[in-house]
Amino acid sequence: MVQSKGLLSAFVLAASVAFSCAHAQNWPTKPIRMIVPFGAGGPTDVLARPFAEKLGGTLKQQVIIENRVGAGGNIGTELVAKADPDGYTLLFTASGPMIINDQVYGKLPYDPEKDFSPIGMIMSVPMILMVSTTIPVNNVAELVQLAKSRPGKLNFASGGYGTGPHIGGELFKRWAGIDIVHIPYKSGSQIYPALMSGEAQIYFDATIGLPYTRGGKLKAISTASSKRISAAPELPTMTEAGLPGVDIWSWYALLGPAGTSRPIVTALNTEINRMLKDAEFLAKVSVLGFEPDGGTPEQLAERIRTDRKRVENNFKAAGLRFEQPSGTGR
C-alpha cells in the first residue's frame, strides 16, 4: 500500500511537470498583461514601455501595460499576487512594493517573498536631489540652511507613501536635521509642474528627471548615492556635501504570481538578460540614467530578502514611523 502511494505520488509529480513543460512550450498564445503599479510618466512606467515593446517583439505577442496605481504600489502588486500563475499576468515594479512598503503600511495584502515567482532584475537607478528654481539654492548646504531658516515651510514631493522619493525625503530630513513637509502626488506627470511652479520645492527623483534640470526648468544639486554617477558626473554626492553614508537607489524587476511554471520563468529570464545586451534597447534607456542589472531568478529573490532587511534596519536607525498613510502611486 505504501509502495502504491509512492508510485501514485511519483506519477502525479511527473504528470504535473509534463503539463508545465507542455504549457510553457505553447506559451504565449495570447497577449500578456504587464502590471505597472505606478502612474504614467514616472520612472517605472517610462522604463516599462520600451521593455514591453521589446519583449512583445521577441515573444511575438503583444505585451499590454496596465497602470494600476494606489497605496504606494500595493494595489497593482496585490493584483498580480492573486492572479493565475499562467504567465499571462506579470508585474513590472520598482523596488518599493517589494522591500519598503511593509515598513510603511505594516501588514501588506501580499507577501513579497512568498506570493511571487521572481523572474529577473532589469535595471537600477540612483536618485538625485532636485530643487525648484523658485528657491535660492544651488547646493545641499544652501538647501539645508534655507530649510533651517524656514522650518515647516518647504515641501518635498513624492508619488505616494513608501515610494523611493518619499523615503529619500524622510531620510534627508533626519540626516540634515531639518523640518520639511511631504506632499504626495498621484504620478510623476503631476510632480514636475508642481516643482516648476514652486508648489513643491524638493524632490528625490530617479535620473529620469535630468532633462528637466538640463533644460533649466529645475536644478539638480546632488546625487543620493555614495559615488558620482555616469549619467551626471558633474553632480557632487551627498558625502561630498557633508552627509556621509547616503546611498539611495531604486531597482526595477519582473515577477510573476507564485507558482508560475519554471519553464516560463526561465524563458522570460533569458529574454531579460538578452535584452540587457541589446544595443538598441540600452540606447533608449541609458540616456535616462538606468543601469542594467540582469541575473538569475534566484539572485532577484535574494536581493529582495537582503534589501528588505537593510530597509528595516535603516528605518529603525532613522526612527521612521508611519501611521496608516493613504498612498497614491508613482
C-alpha atoms as a PDB file:
ATOM      1  CA  MET A   1       0.000   0.000   0.000  1.00  0.00           C
ATOM      2  CA  VAL A   2       2.828   2.389   0.916  1.00  0.00           C
ATOM      3  CA  GLN A   3       4.581   1.493  -2.323  1.00  0.00           C
ATOM      4  CA  SER A   4       1.391   2.172  -4.299  1.00  0.00           C
ATOM      5  CA  LYS A   5       1.048   5.605  -2.710  1.00  0.00           C
ATOM      6  CA  GLY A   6       4.654   6.324  -3.559  1.00  0.00           C
ATOM      7  CA  LEU A   7       4.103   5.317  -7.175  1.00  0.00           C
ATOM      8  CA  LEU A   8       0.945   7.417  -7.332  1.00  0.00           C
ATOM      9  CA  SER A   9       2.765  10.459  -5.942  1.00  0.00           C
ATOM     10  CA  ALA A  10       5.571   9.981  -8.444  1.00  0.00           C
ATOM     11  CA  PHE A  11       3.040   9.690 -11.270  1.00  0.00           C
ATOM     12  CA  VAL A  12       1.216  12.864 -10.200  1.00  0.00           C
ATOM     13  CA  LEU A  13       4.512  14.760  -9.952  1.00  0.00           C
ATOM     14  CA  ALA A  14       5.662  13.555 -13.362  1.00  0.00           C
ATOM     15  CA  ALA A  15       2.316  14.467 -14.906  1.00  0.00           C
ATOM     16  CA  SER A  16       2.466  17.921 -13.314  1.00  0.00           C
ATOM     17  CA  VAL A  17       5.968  18.548 -14.659  1.00  0.00           C
ATOM     18  CA  ALA A  18       4.970  17.308 -18.097  1.00  0.00           C
ATOM     19  CA  PHE A  19       1.918  19.592 -18.118  1.00  0.00           C
ATOM     20  CA  SER A  20       4.029  22.557 -17.009  1.00  0.00           C
ATOM     21  CA  CYS A  21       6.600  21.970 -19.745  1.00  0.00           C
ATOM     22  CA  ALA A  22       3.914  21.494 -22.390  1.00  0.00           C
ATOM     23  CA  HIS A  23       2.207  24.674 -21.236  1.00  0.00           C
ATOM     24  CA  ALA A  24       5.485  26.612 -21.451  1.00  0.00           C
ATOM     25  CA  GLN A  25       6.168  25.270 -24.943  1.00  0.00           C
ATOM     26  CA  ASN A  26       2.812  26.588 -26.127  1.00  0.00           C
ATOM     27  CA  TRP A  27       3.198  29.869 -24.266  1.00  0.00           C
ATOM     28  CA  PRO A  28       2.384  32.605 -25.126  1.00  0.00           C
ATOM     29  CA  THR A  29      -0.685  32.128 -27.301  1.00  0.00           C
ATOM     30  CA  LYS A  30      -2.377  35.414 -26.383  1.00  0.00           C
ATOM     31  CA  PRO A  31      -1.415  38.936 -25.216  1.00  0.00           C
ATOM     32  CA  ILE A  32       0.334  39.287 -21.871  1.00  0.00           C
ATOM     33  CA  ARG A  33      -0.736  41.787 -19.220  1.00  0.00           C
ATOM     34  CA  MET A  34       2.171  43.572 -17.586  1.00  0.00           C
ATOM     35  CA  ILE A  35       1.003  45.380 -14.463  1.00  0.00           C
ATOM     36  CA  VAL A  36       2.879  48.566 -13.577  1.00  0.00           C
ATOM     37  CA  PRO A  37       1.742  49.531 -10.053  1.00  0.00           C
ATOM     38  CA  PHE A  38       2.607  53.220 -10.558  1.00  0.00           C
ATOM     39  CA  GLY A  39       1.247  56.024 -12.705  1.00  0.00           C
ATOM     40  CA  ALA A  40       2.184  57.091 -16.201  1.00  0.00           C
ATOM     41  CA  GLY A  41       5.178  59.396 -16.512  1.00  0.00           C
ATOM     42  CA  GLY A  42       7.165  58.089 -13.553  1.00  0.00           C
ATOM     43  CA  PRO A  43      10.431  56.117 -13.841  1.00  0.00           C
ATOM     44  CA  THR A  44       8.772  52.696 -13.580  1.00  0.00           C
ATOM     45  CA  ASP A  45       6.334  53.440 -16.389  1.00  0.00           C
ATOM     46  CA  VAL A  46       8.970  55.090 -18.573  1.00  0.00           C
ATOM     47  CA  LEU A  47      11.233  52.035 -18.342  1.00  0.00           C
ATOM     48  CA  ALA A  48       8.376  49.533 -18.650  1.00  0.00           C
ATOM     49  CA  ARG A  49       7.210  50.796 -22.038  1.00  0.00           C
ATOM     50  CA  PRO A  50      10.338  50.144 -24.131  1.00  0.00           C
ATOM     51  CA  PHE A  51      10.790  46.893 -22.184  1.00  0.00           C
ATOM     52  CA  ALA A  52       7.261  45.730 -23.052  1.00  0.00           C
ATOM     53  CA  GLU A  53       7.717  46.701 -26.680  1.00  0.00           C
ATOM     54  CA  LYS A  54      10.969  44.767 -26.970  1.00  0.00           C
ATOM     55  CA  LEU A  55       9.638  41.732 -25.091  1.00  0.00           C
ATOM     56  CA  GLY A  56       6.486  41.625 -27.196  1.00  0.00           C
ATOM     57  CA  GLY A  57       8.510  41.654 -30.388  1.00  0.00           C
ATOM     58  CA  THR A  58      10.623  38.746 -29.195  1.00  0.00           C
ATOM     59  CA  LEU A  59       7.678  36.677 -27.935  1.00  0.00           C
ATOM     60  CA  LYS A  60       5.567  37.602 -30.981  1.00  0.00           C
ATOM     61  CA  GLN A  61       2.680  38.522 -28.696  1.00  0.00           C
ATOM     62  CA  GLN A  62       1.513  41.925 -27.545  1.00  0.00           C
ATOM     63  CA  VAL A  63       2.613  42.885 -24.026  1.00  0.00           C
ATOM     64  CA  ILE A  64      -0.025  45.272 -22.718  1.00  0.00           C
ATOM     65  CA  ILE A  65       0.876  47.661 -19.908  1.00  0.00           C
ATOM     66  CA  GLU A  66      -1.772  48.328 -17.273  1.00  0.00           C
ATOM     67  CA  ASN A  67      -1.057  51.090 -14.773  1.00  0.00           C
ATOM     68  CA  ARG A  68      -2.806  50.045 -11.546  1.00  0.00           C
ATOM     69  CA  VAL A  69      -1.887  52.808  -9.136  1.00  0.00           C
ATOM     70  CA  GLY A  70      -2.609  53.242  -5.453  1.00  0.00           C
ATOM     71  CA  ALA A  71      -1.206  52.766  -1.954  1.00  0.00           C
ATOM     72  CA  GLY A  72       2.400  53.230  -2.990  1.00  0.00           C
ATOM     73  CA  GLY A  73       2.191  50.361  -5.477  1.00  0.00           C
ATOM     74  CA  ASN A  74       0.300  47.941  -3.223  1.00  0.00           C
ATOM     75  CA  ILE A  75      -2.850  47.787  -5.360  1.00  0.00           C
ATOM     76  CA  GLY A  76      -1.198  46.684  -8.583  1.00  0.00           C
ATOM     77  CA  THR A  77       1.204  44.409  -6.750  1.00  0.00           C
ATOM     78  CA  GLU A  78      -1.633  42.639  -4.926  1.00  0.00           C
ATOM     79  CA  LEU A  79      -3.445  42.172  -8.237  1.00  0.00           C
ATOM     80  CA  VAL A  80      -0.511  40.163  -9.588  1.00  0.00           C
ATOM     81  CA  ALA A  81      -0.053  38.219  -6.343  1.00  0.00           C
ATOM     82  CA  LYS A  82      -3.637  36.936  -6.694  1.00  0.00           C
ATOM     83  CA  ALA A  83      -3.555  36.345 -10.459  1.00  0.00           C
ATOM     84  CA  ASP A  84      -3.429  32.935 -12.119  1.00  0.00           C
ATOM     85  CA  PRO A  85       0.202  31.822 -12.446  1.00  0.00           C
ATOM     86  CA  ASP A  86      -0.205  31.090 -16.149  1.00  0.00           C
ATOM     87  CA  GLY A  87       2.393  33.522 -17.483  1.00  0.00           C
ATOM     88  CA  TYR A  88      -0.186  35.982 -18.792  1.00  0.00           C
ATOM     89  CA  THR A  89      -0.109  38.407 -15.847  1.00  0.00           C
ATOM     90  CA  LEU A  90       3.278  39.807 -14.876  1.00  0.00           C
ATOM     91  CA  LEU A  91       4.472  42.520 -12.502  1.00  0.00           C
ATOM     92  CA  PHE A  92       6.927  45.171 -13.656  1.00  0.00           C
ATOM     93  CA  THR A  93       7.775  47.052 -10.495  1.00  0.00           C
ATOM     94  CA  ALA A  94      10.186  49.347  -8.785  1.00  0.00           C
ATOM     95  CA  SER A  95      11.685  48.070  -5.560  1.00  0.00           C
ATOM     96  CA  GLY A  96       9.315  49.897  -3.193  1.00  0.00           C
ATOM     97  CA  PRO A  97       6.401  47.423  -3.046  1.00  0.00           C
ATOM     98  CA  MET A  98       8.818  44.554  -2.535  1.00  0.00           C
ATOM     99  CA  ILE A  99      11.210  45.982   0.068  1.00  0.00           C
ATOM    100  CA  ILE A 100       9.803  49.187   1.587  1.00  0.00           C
ATOM    101  CA  ASN A 101       6.032  49.064   1.812  1.00  0.00           C
ATOM    102  CA  ASP A 102       5.756  46.676   4.735  1.00  0.00           C
ATOM    103  CA  GLN A 103       7.726  49.232   6.763  1.00  0.00           C
ATOM    104  CA  VAL A 104       5.251  51.953   5.735  1.00  0.00           C
ATOM    105  CA  TYR A 105       1.917  50.142   5.714  1.00  0.00           C
ATOM    106  CA  GLY A 106       2.517  47.394   8.248  1.00  0.00           C
ATOM    107  CA  LYS A 107       0.861  44.151   7.151  1.00  0.00           C
ATOM    108  CA  LEU A 108       0.558  44.038   3.366  1.00  0.00           C
ATOM    109  CA  PRO A 109      -2.161  42.258   1.331  1.00  0.00           C
ATOM    110  CA  TYR A 110       0.651  40.159  -0.171  1.00  0.00           C
ATOM    111  CA  ASP A 111       3.917  38.601   0.969  1.00  0.00           C
ATOM    112  CA  PRO A 112       6.875  39.941  -1.066  1.00  0.00           C
ATOM    113  CA  GLU A 113       8.829  36.714  -0.596  1.00  0.00           C
ATOM    114  CA  LYS A 114       6.079  34.071  -0.811  1.00  0.00           C
ATOM    115  CA  ASP A 115       3.432  35.363  -3.217  1.00  0.00           C
ATOM    116  CA  PHE A 116       5.631  35.866  -6.290  1.00  0.00           C
ATOM    117  CA  SER A 117       7.861  33.971  -8.662  1.00  0.00           C
ATOM    118  CA  PRO A 118      10.917  36.216  -9.147  1.00  0.00           C
ATOM    119  CA  ILE A 119      11.884  36.338 -12.831  1.00  0.00           C
ATOM    120  CA  GLY A 120      14.729  38.790 -13.139  1.00  0.00           C
ATOM    121  CA  MET A 121      16.290  42.083 -12.186  1.00  0.00           C
ATOM    122  CA  ILE A 122      16.203  44.573 -15.042  1.00  0.00           C
ATOM    123  CA  MET A 123      17.690  47.937 -14.126  1.00  0.00           C
ATOM    124  CA  SER A 124      18.908  50.028 -11.211  1.00  0.00           C
ATOM    125  CA  VAL A 125      18.961  53.784 -10.990  1.00  0.00           C
ATOM    126  CA  PRO A 126      20.467  56.142  -8.406  1.00  0.00           C
ATOM    127  CA  MET A 127      18.394  59.002  -7.121  1.00  0.00           C
ATOM    128  CA  ILE A 128      19.242  62.677  -7.450  1.00  0.00           C
ATOM    129  CA  LEU A 129      18.214  65.609  -5.300  1.00  0.00           C
ATOM    130  CA  MET A 130      16.338  68.181  -7.379  1.00  0.00           C
ATOM    131  CA  VAL A 131      15.016  71.563  -6.295  1.00  0.00           C
ATOM    132  CA  SER A 132      12.683  74.145  -7.755  1.00  0.00           C
ATOM    133  CA  THR A 133      14.206  77.208  -9.414  1.00  0.00           C
ATOM    134  CA  THR A 134      11.847  79.252  -7.213  1.00  0.00           C
ATOM    135  CA  ILE A 135      14.140  78.834  -4.199  1.00  0.00           C
ATOM    136  CA  PRO A 136      17.597  80.469  -3.995  1.00  0.00           C
ATOM    137  CA  VAL A 137      19.771  77.393  -3.502  1.00  0.00           C
ATOM    138  CA  ASN A 138      22.441  75.775  -5.670  1.00  0.00           C
ATOM    139  CA  ASN A 139      23.862  73.087  -3.389  1.00  0.00           C
ATOM    140  CA  VAL A 140      22.954  70.905  -0.425  1.00  0.00           C
ATOM    141  CA  ALA A 141      24.477  73.231   2.168  1.00  0.00           C
ATOM    142  CA  GLU A 142      22.377  76.158   0.934  1.00  0.00           C
ATOM    143  CA  LEU A 143      19.246  73.983   0.898  1.00  0.00           C
ATOM    144  CA  VAL A 144      19.822  72.844   4.477  1.00  0.00           C
ATOM    145  CA  GLN A 145      20.469  76.416   5.592  1.00  0.00           C
ATOM    146  CA  LEU A 146      17.269  77.640   3.891  1.00  0.00           C
ATOM    147  CA  ALA A 147      15.195  74.823   5.387  1.00  0.00           C
ATOM    148  CA  LYS A 148      16.514  75.563   8.865  1.00  0.00           C
ATOM    149  CA  SER A 149      15.596  79.221   8.438  1.00  0.00           C
ATOM    150  CA  ARG A 150      12.064  78.256   7.340  1.00  0.00           C
ATOM    151  CA  PRO A 151      11.043  75.231   9.443  1.00  0.00           C
ATOM    152  CA  GLY A 152       7.944  73.525   8.066  1.00  0.00           C
ATOM    153  CA  LYS A 153       7.729  75.918   5.107  1.00  0.00           C
ATOM    154  CA  LEU A 154       9.468  73.886   2.390  1.00  0.00           C
ATOM    155  CA  ASN A 155       7.763  70.905   0.790  1.00  0.00           C
ATOM    156  CA  PHE A 156       9.175  67.757  -0.759  1.00  0.00           C
ATOM    157  CA  ALA A 157       7.258  65.847  -3.417  1.00  0.00           C
ATOM    158  CA  SER A 158       6.732  62.145  -3.982  1.00  0.00           C
ATOM    159  CA  GLY A 159       4.442  59.844  -5.923  1.00  0.00           C
ATOM    160  CA  GLY A 160       2.984  58.373  -2.746  1.00  0.00           C
ATOM    161  CA  TYR A 161       3.777  56.983   0.690  1.00  0.00           C
ATOM    162  CA  GLY A 162       6.515  54.375   0.647  1.00  0.00           C
ATOM    163  CA  THR A 163       7.922  55.311  -2.765  1.00  0.00           C
ATOM    164  CA  GLY A 164      11.640  55.995  -3.191  1.00  0.00           C
ATOM    165  CA  PRO A 165      11.196  59.789  -3.336  1.00  0.00           C
ATOM    166  CA  HIS A 166       9.156  59.701  -0.131  1.00  0.00           C
ATOM    167  CA  ILE A 167      11.708  57.626   1.758  1.00  0.00           C
ATOM    168  CA  GLY A 168      14.534  59.733   0.336  1.00  0.00           C
ATOM    169  CA  GLY A 169      12.876  62.899   1.613  1.00  0.00           C
ATOM    170  CA  GLU A 170      12.172  61.445   5.046  1.00  0.00           C
ATOM    171  CA  LEU A 171      15.734  60.199   5.480  1.00  0.00           C
ATOM    172  CA  PHE A 172      17.125  63.522   4.239  1.00  0.00           C
ATOM    173  CA  LYS A 173      15.067  65.314   6.920  1.00  0.00           C
ATOM    174  CA  ARG A 174      16.720  63.246   9.613  1.00  0.00           C
ATOM    175  CA  TRP A 175      20.232  63.245   8.201  1.00  0.00           C
ATOM    176  CA  ALA A 176      20.167  67.021   7.748  1.00  0.00           C
ATOM    177  CA  GLY A 177      18.151  67.824  10.887  1.00  0.00           C
ATOM    178  CA  ILE A 178      15.549  69.888   9.025  1.00  0.00           C
ATOM    179  CA  ASP A 179      11.754  70.187   9.035  1.00  0.00           C
ATOM    180  CA  ILE A 180      10.293  69.792   5.532  1.00  0.00           C
ATOM    181  CA  VAL A 181       6.755  68.685   4.646  1.00  0.00           C
ATOM    182  CA  HIS A 182       5.818  65.708   2.465  1.00  0.00           C
ATOM    183  CA  ILE A 183       3.337  66.225  -0.401  1.00  0.00           C
ATOM    184  CA  PRO A 184       2.280  63.000  -2.198  1.00  0.00           C
ATOM    185  CA  TYR A 185       1.131  63.273  -5.830  1.00  0.00           C
ATOM    186  CA  LYS A 186      -0.697  60.731  -7.965  1.00  0.00           C
ATOM    187  CA  SER A 187       2.010  60.365 -10.620  1.00  0.00           C
ATOM    188  CA  GLY A 188       5.299  61.714 -11.861  1.00  0.00           C
ATOM    189  CA  SER A 189       3.479  63.741 -14.511  1.00  0.00           C
ATOM    190  CA  GLN A 190       1.969  65.889 -11.727  1.00  0.00           C
ATOM    191  CA  ILE A 191       5.188  66.350  -9.792  1.00  0.00           C
ATOM    192  CA  TYR A 192       7.269  68.239 -12.346  1.00  0.00           C
ATOM    193  CA  PRO A 193       4.686  71.026 -12.884  1.00  0.00           C
ATOM    194  CA  ALA A 194       4.387  71.341  -9.095  1.00  0.00           C
ATOM    195  CA  LEU A 195       8.154  71.764  -8.779  1.00  0.00           C
ATOM    196  CA  MET A 196       8.359  74.234 -11.636  1.00  0.00           C
ATOM    197  CA  SER A 197       5.555  76.364 -10.162  1.00  0.00           C
ATOM    198  CA  GLY A 198       7.065  76.270  -6.677  1.00  0.00           C
ATOM    199  CA  GLU A 199       4.129  74.392  -5.145  1.00  0.00           C
ATOM    200  CA  ALA A 200       6.780  71.860  -4.068  1.00  0.00           C
ATOM    201  CA  GLN A 201      10.446  72.735  -3.768  1.00  0.00           C
ATOM    202  CA  ILE A 202      12.355  69.466  -3.218  1.00  0.00           C
ATOM    203  CA  TYR A 203      12.271  66.116  -4.989  1.00  0.00           C
ATOM    204  CA  PHE A 204      14.371  62.978  -4.800  1.00  0.00           C
ATOM    205  CA  ASP A 205      14.000  61.608  -8.307  1.00  0.00           C
ATOM    206  CA  ALA A 206      15.496  58.923 -10.471  1.00  0.00           C
ATOM    207  CA  THR A 207      17.877  60.244 -13.106  1.00  0.00           C
ATOM    208  CA  ILE A 208      14.919  60.349 -15.490  1.00  0.00           C
ATOM    209  CA  GLY A 209      14.447  63.924 -14.214  1.00  0.00           C
ATOM    210  CA  LEU A 210      17.786  65.135 -15.602  1.00  0.00           C
ATOM    211  CA  PRO A 211      16.274  66.550 -18.848  1.00  0.00           C
ATOM    212  CA  TYR A 212      14.302  68.995 -16.702  1.00  0.00           C
ATOM    213  CA  THR A 213      17.447  70.199 -14.970  1.00  0.00           C
ATOM    214  CA  ARG A 214      19.481  70.422 -18.160  1.00  0.00           C
ATOM    215  CA  GLY A 215      16.696  72.435 -19.719  1.00  0.00           C
ATOM    216  CA  GLY A 216      16.860  74.916 -16.836  1.00  0.00           C
ATOM    217  CA  LYS A 217      13.371  74.131 -15.543  1.00  0.00           C
ATOM    218  CA  LEU A 218      14.681  72.574 -12.307  1.00  0.00           C
ATOM    219  CA  LYS A 219      18.030  72.357 -10.519  1.00  0.00           C
ATOM    220  CA  ALA A 220      19.878  69.125  -9.693  1.00  0.00           C
ATOM    221  CA  ILE A 221      22.184  69.732  -6.741  1.00  0.00           C
ATOM    222  CA  SER A 222      23.380  66.293  -5.631  1.00  0.00           C
ATOM    223  CA  THR A 223      23.204  62.560  -6.152  1.00  0.00           C
ATOM    224  CA  ALA A 224      21.717  60.489  -3.370  1.00  0.00           C
ATOM    225  CA  SER A 225      24.393  57.869  -3.907  1.00  0.00           C
ATOM    226  CA  SER A 226      27.780  57.316  -2.325  1.00  0.00           C
ATOM    227  CA  LYS A 227      29.605  57.795  -5.624  1.00  0.00           C
ATOM    228  CA  ARG A 228      29.235  60.070  -8.616  1.00  0.00           C
ATOM    229  CA  ILE A 229      27.116  58.658 -11.423  1.00  0.00           C
ATOM    230  CA  SER A 230      27.867  58.298 -15.117  1.00  0.00           C
ATOM    231  CA  ALA A 231      24.597  59.953 -16.159  1.00  0.00           C
ATOM    232  CA  ALA A 232      25.574  63.182 -14.361  1.00  0.00           C
ATOM    233  CA  PRO A 233      29.260  63.094 -13.349  1.00  0.00           C
ATOM    234  CA  GLU A 234      29.185  66.811 -12.576  1.00  0.00           C
ATOM    235  CA  LEU A 235      26.864  66.310  -9.585  1.00  0.00           C
ATOM    236  CA  PRO A 236      28.513  66.012  -6.153  1.00  0.00           C
ATOM    237  CA  THR A 237      27.472  63.193  -3.855  1.00  0.00           C
ATOM    238  CA  MET A 238      25.765  63.620  -0.514  1.00  0.00           C
ATOM    239  CA  THR A 239      29.027  62.527   1.095  1.00  0.00           C
ATOM    240  CA  GLU A 240      30.825  65.378  -0.634  1.00  0.00           C
ATOM    241  CA  ALA A 241      28.055  67.679   0.550  1.00  0.00           C
ATOM    242  CA  GLY A 242      28.671  66.700   4.164  1.00  0.00           C
ATOM    243  CA  LEU A 243      26.097  63.950   4.649  1.00  0.00           C
ATOM    244  CA  PRO A 244      28.133  60.721   4.550  1.00  0.00           C
ATOM    245  CA  GLY A 245      26.582  57.312   4.166  1.00  0.00           C
ATOM    246  CA  VAL A 246      23.664  58.391   1.961  1.00  0.00           C
ATOM    247  CA  ASP A 247      23.137  55.800  -0.776  1.00  0.00           C
ATOM    248  CA  ILE A 248      19.600  55.606  -2.198  1.00  0.00           C
ATOM    249  CA  TRP A 249      18.954  53.536  -5.307  1.00  0.00           C
ATOM    250  CA  SER A 250      15.811  52.139  -6.851  1.00  0.00           C
ATOM    251  CA  TRP A 251      15.736  48.921  -8.845  1.00  0.00           C
ATOM    252  CA  TYR A 252      13.246  47.544 -11.334  1.00  0.00           C
ATOM    253  CA  ALA A 253      12.350  43.899 -11.810  1.00  0.00           C
ATOM    254  CA  LEU A 254       9.900  41.477 -13.403  1.00  0.00           C
ATOM    255  CA  LEU A 255       7.933  38.985 -11.302  1.00  0.00           C
ATOM    256  CA  GLY A 256       5.005  36.633 -11.782  1.00  0.00           C
ATOM    257  CA  PRO A 257       2.492  35.174  -9.337  1.00  0.00           C
ATOM    258  CA  ALA A 258       3.810  32.380  -7.116  1.00  0.00           C
ATOM    259  CA  GLY A 259       3.572  29.065  -8.911  1.00  0.00           C
ATOM    260  CA  THR A 260       4.427  30.383 -12.366  1.00  0.00           C
ATOM    261  CA  SER A 261       5.961  27.413 -14.160  1.00  0.00           C
ATOM    262  CA  ARG A 262       9.724  27.232 -14.167  1.00  0.00           C
ATOM    263  CA  PRO A 263       9.977  26.937 -17.973  1.00  0.00           C
ATOM    264  CA  ILE A 264       8.074  30.229 -18.368  1.00  0.00           C
ATOM    265  CA  VAL A 265      10.217  31.903 -15.706  1.00  0.00           C
ATOM    266  CA  THR A 266      13.352  30.624 -17.434  1.00  0.00           C
ATOM    267  CA  ALA A 267      12.162  31.793 -20.847  1.00  0.00           C
ATOM    268  CA  LEU A 268      11.419  35.300 -19.545  1.00  0.00           C
ATOM    269  CA  ASN A 269      14.668  35.485 -17.594  1.00  0.00           C
ATOM    270  CA  THR A 270      16.597  34.516 -20.723  1.00  0.00           C
ATOM    271  CA  GLU A 271      14.902  37.317 -22.654  1.00  0.00           C
ATOM    272  CA  ILE A 272      15.685  39.854 -19.921  1.00  0.00           C
ATOM    273  CA  ASN A 273      19.382  39.011 -19.951  1.00  0.00           C
ATOM    274  CA  ARG A 274      19.444  39.019 -23.741  1.00  0.00           C
ATOM    275  CA  MET A 275      17.686  42.388 -23.806  1.00  0.00           C
ATOM    276  CA  LEU A 276      20.254  43.878 -21.441  1.00  0.00           C
ATOM    277  CA  LYS A 277      22.898  43.211 -24.091  1.00  0.00           C
ATOM    278  CA  ASP A 278      20.824  44.678 -26.917  1.00  0.00           C
ATOM    279  CA  ALA A 279      22.355  47.969 -28.080  1.00  0.00           C
ATOM    280  CA  GLU A 280      19.055  49.360 -29.386  1.00  0.00           C
ATOM    281  CA  PHE A 281      17.215  48.795 -26.115  1.00  0.00           C
ATOM    282  CA  LEU A 282      20.099  50.054 -23.970  1.00  0.00           C
ATOM    283  CA  ALA A 283      20.343  53.204 -26.081  1.00  0.00           C
ATOM    284  CA  LYS A 284      16.713  54.023 -25.267  1.00  0.00           C
ATOM    285  CA  VAL A 285      17.101  53.691 -21.516  1.00  0.00           C
ATOM    286  CA  SER A 286      20.732  54.584 -20.780  1.00  0.00           C
ATOM    287  CA  VAL A 287      20.118  58.249 -21.635  1.00  0.00           C
ATOM    288  CA  LEU A 288      17.692  58.285 -18.694  1.00  0.00           C
ATOM    289  CA  GLY A 289      20.367  57.044 -16.292  1.00  0.00           C
ATOM    290  CA  PHE A 290      19.154  53.465 -15.926  1.00  0.00           C
ATOM    291  CA  GLU A 291      21.951  50.964 -15.400  1.00  0.00           C
ATOM    292  CA  PRO A 292      21.490  47.315 -16.490  1.00  0.00           C
ATOM    293  CA  ASP A 293      21.420  44.529 -13.908  1.00  0.00           C
ATOM    294  CA  GLY A 294      20.203  41.125 -15.063  1.00  0.00           C
ATOM    295  CA  GLY A 295      20.997  37.873 -13.300  1.00  0.00           C
ATOM    296  CA  THR A 296      19.018  34.809 -12.276  1.00  0.00           C
ATOM    297  CA  PRO A 297      15.606  34.475 -10.605  1.00  0.00           C
ATOM    298  CA  GLU A 298      17.417  33.228  -7.503  1.00  0.00           C
ATOM    299  CA  GLN A 299      19.561  36.353  -7.383  1.00  0.00           C
ATOM    300  CA  LEU A 300      16.437  38.524  -7.537  1.00  0.00           C
ATOM    301  CA  ALA A 301      14.862  36.526  -4.705  1.00  0.00           C
ATOM    302  CA  GLU A 302      17.995  37.016  -2.611  1.00  0.00           C
ATOM    303  CA  ARG A 303      18.065  40.743  -3.441  1.00  0.00           C
ATOM    304  CA  ILE A 304      14.507  41.102  -2.184  1.00  0.00           C
ATOM    305  CA  ARG A 305      15.358  39.301   1.063  1.00  0.00           C
ATOM    306  CA  THR A 306      18.529  41.255   1.795  1.00  0.00           C
ATOM    307  CA  ASP A 307      17.108  44.644   0.775  1.00  0.00           C
ATOM    308  CA  ARG A 308      14.054  44.173   2.969  1.00  0.00           C
ATOM    309  CA  LYS A 309      16.343  43.625   5.941  1.00  0.00           C
ATOM    310  CA  ARG A 310      18.521  46.603   5.004  1.00  0.00           C
ATOM    311  CA  VAL A 311      15.483  48.886   4.732  1.00  0.00           C
ATOM    312  CA  GLU A 312      14.145  47.654   8.069  1.00  0.00           C
ATOM    313  CA  ASN A 313      17.489  48.472   9.713  1.00  0.00           C
ATOM    314  CA  ASN A 314      17.607  51.915   8.054  1.00  0.00           C
ATOM    315  CA  PHE A 315      14.115  52.734   9.264  1.00  0.00           C
ATOM    316  CA  LYS A 316      14.997  51.741  12.800  1.00  0.00           C
ATOM    317  CA  ALA A 317      18.215  53.754  12.737  1.00  0.00           C
ATOM    318  CA  ALA A 318      16.413  56.840  11.427  1.00  0.00           C
ATOM    319  CA  GLY A 319      13.437  56.407  13.733  1.00  0.00           C
ATOM    320  CA  LEU A 320      10.979  56.403  10.813  1.00  0.00           C
ATOM    321  CA  ARG A 321       7.362  55.600  11.704  1.00  0.00           C
ATOM    322  CA  PHE A 322       4.244  55.969   9.577  1.00  0.00           C
ATOM    323  CA  GLU A 323       0.614  55.864  10.641  1.00  0.00           C
ATOM    324  CA  GLN A 324      -1.791  54.328   8.148  1.00  0.00           C
ATOM    325  CA  PRO A 325      -0.930  56.561   5.157  1.00  0.00           C
ATOM    326  CA  SER A 326      -3.281  56.737   2.200  1.00  0.00           C
ATOM    327  CA  GLY A 327      -0.750  56.383  -0.605  1.00  0.00           C
ATOM    328  CA  THR A 328      -1.126  57.061  -4.287  1.00  0.00           C
ATOM    329  CA  GLY A 329       1.353  55.791  -6.802  1.00  0.00           C
ATOM    330  CA  ARG A 330       4.442  56.524  -8.782  1.00  0.00           C
END
